[in-house]
Amino acid sequence: MNTNIYYNLVGNWAPLPSGFNGTLMIRPLIGKPIIPIVSVDKLDAIIEFNVYPNPSNGNVNING
């Protein structure tokens, strides 16, 4: 176990749990934050629908 590996999910650094198996992967953030240029208007209505069968053989039906 490597005691020098820490992770940060919500703003606090914590040591990696002792039972962790696998390889550490990193996602570096370099430069200024990118402001998204895509947005979606908020929907006021809830649309209900069904998709069946699940699991599918490749063809699905959408009912709604």
C-alpha atoms as a PDB file:
ATOM      1  CA  MET A   1       0.000   0.000   0.000  1.00  0.00           C
ATOM      2  CA  ASN A   2       1.262   3.458  -0.911  1.00  0.00           C
ATOM      3  CA  THR A   3       0.625   5.940   1.917  1.00  0.00           C
ATOM      4  CA  ASN A   4       1.494   8.908  -0.329  1.00  0.00           C
ATOM      5  CA  ILE A   5      -1.639   8.797  -2.517  1.00  0.00           C
ATOM      6  CA  TYR A   6      -4.446  11.214  -1.640  1.00  0.00           C
ATOM      7  CA  TYR A   7      -7.716  12.046  -3.399  1.00  0.00           C
ATOM      8  CA  ASN A   8     -10.017  15.069  -3.371  1.00  0.00           C
ATOM      9  CA  LEU A   9     -13.709  14.705  -4.252  1.00  0.00           C
ATOM     10  CA  VAL A  10     -15.436  17.591  -2.472  1.00  0.00           C
ATOM     11  CA  GLY A  11     -12.640  19.986  -1.560  1.00  0.00           C
ATOM     12  CA  ASN A  12     -10.959  17.935   1.175  1.00  0.00           C
ATOM     13  CA  TRP A  13      -7.883  15.762   0.669  1.00  0.00           C
ATOM     14  CA  ALA A  14      -7.982  12.264   2.156  1.00  0.00           C
ATOM     15  CA  PRO A  15      -5.599   9.295   1.995  1.00  0.00           C
ATOM     16  CA  LEU A  16      -6.548   6.508  -0.375  1.00  0.00           C
ATOM     17  CA  PRO A  17      -8.382   3.698   1.474  1.00  0.00           C
ATOM     18  CA  SER A  18      -6.137   0.769   2.407  1.00  0.00           C
ATOM     19  CA  GLY A  19      -8.252  -1.801   0.543  1.00  0.00           C
ATOM     20  CA  PHE A  20      -8.012   0.045  -2.798  1.00  0.00           C
ATOM     21  CA  ASN A  21      -6.737  -2.103  -5.656  1.00  0.00           C
ATOM     22  CA  GLY A  22      -5.797  -0.732  -9.049  1.00  0.00           C
ATOM     23  CA  THR A  23      -3.837   2.031 -10.695  1.00  0.00           C
ATOM     24  CA  LEU A  24      -4.071   5.716  -9.882  1.00  0.00           C
ATOM     25  CA  MET A  25      -5.369   7.728 -12.846  1.00  0.00           C
ATOM     26  CA  ILE A  26      -5.262  11.512 -12.967  1.00  0.00           C
ATOM     27  CA  ARG A  27      -7.226  14.132 -14.866  1.00  0.00           C
ATOM     28  CA  PRO A  28      -5.177  17.330 -14.776  1.00  0.00           C
ATOM     29  CA  LEU A  29      -6.935  20.681 -15.102  1.00  0.00           C
ATOM     30  CA  ILE A  30      -4.655  23.076 -16.961  1.00  0.00           C
ATOM     31  CA  GLY A  31      -5.418  26.718 -17.708  1.00  0.00           C
ATOM     32  CA  LYS A  32      -8.528  28.803 -17.173  1.00  0.00           C
ATOM     33  CA  PRO A  33     -11.926  27.147 -16.692  1.00  0.00           C
ATOM     34  CA  ILE A  34     -13.886  26.755 -19.915  1.00  0.00           C
ATOM     35  CA  ILE A  35     -17.332  28.353 -19.880  1.00  0.00           C
ATOM     36  CA  PRO A  36     -19.794  26.009 -21.595  1.00  0.00           C
ATOM     37  CA  ILE A  37     -21.326  27.449 -24.758  1.00  0.00           C
ATOM     38  CA  VAL A  38     -24.240  25.014 -24.818  1.00  0.00           C
ATOM     39  CA  SER A  39     -27.315  25.371 -22.665  1.00  0.00           C
ATOM     40  CA  VAL A  40     -30.739  23.804 -22.374  1.00  0.00           C
ATOM     41  CA  ASP A  41     -33.866  25.689 -21.399  1.00  0.00           C
ATOM     42  CA  LYS A  42     -35.619  24.387 -18.307  1.00  0.00           C
ATOM     43  CA  LEU A  43     -38.676  22.298 -19.088  1.00  0.00           C
ATOM     44  CA  ASP A  44     -41.807  23.017 -17.064  1.00  0.00           C
ATOM     45  CA  ALA A  45     -43.638  19.828 -18.085  1.00  0.00           C
ATOM     46  CA  ILE A  46     -42.782  16.270 -17.129  1.00  0.00           C
ATOM     47  CA  ILE A  47     -43.044  13.922 -20.073  1.00  0.00           C
ATOM     48  CA  GLU A  48     -43.591  10.261 -19.249  1.00  0.00           C
ATOM     49  CA  PHE A  49     -42.815   7.477 -21.674  1.00  0.00           C
ATOM     50  CA  ASN A  50     -42.055   3.777 -21.754  1.00  0.00           C
ATOM     51  CA  VAL A  51     -39.294   2.007 -23.620  1.00  0.00           C
ATOM     52  CA  TYR A  52     -39.738  -1.755 -24.029  1.00  0.00           C
ATOM     53  CA  PRO A  53     -38.760  -4.572 -24.134  1.00  0.00           C
ATOM     54  CA  ASN A  54     -35.862  -4.488 -21.708  1.00  0.00           C
ATOM     55  CA  PRO A  55     -33.591  -6.274 -22.428  1.00  0.00           C
ATOM     56  CA  SER A  56     -33.951  -5.846 -26.168  1.00  0.00           C
ATOM     57  CA  ASN A  57     -32.929  -7.914 -29.163  1.00  0.00           C
ATOM     58  CA  GLY A  58     -32.013  -4.671 -30.939  1.00  0.00           C
ATOM     59  CA  ASN A  59     -35.502  -3.300 -31.590  1.00  0.00           C
ATOM     60  CA  VAL A  60     -37.269  -1.180 -28.980  1.00  0.00           C
ATOM     61  CA  ASN A  61     -40.714   0.398 -28.740  1.00  0.00           C
ATOM     62  CA  ILE A  62     -41.280   3.888 -27.357  1.00  0.00           C
ATOM     63  CA  ASN A  63     -44.740   4.642 -26.020  1.00  0.00           C
ATOM     64  CA  GLY A  64     -45.613   8.053 -24.628  1.00  0.00           C
END
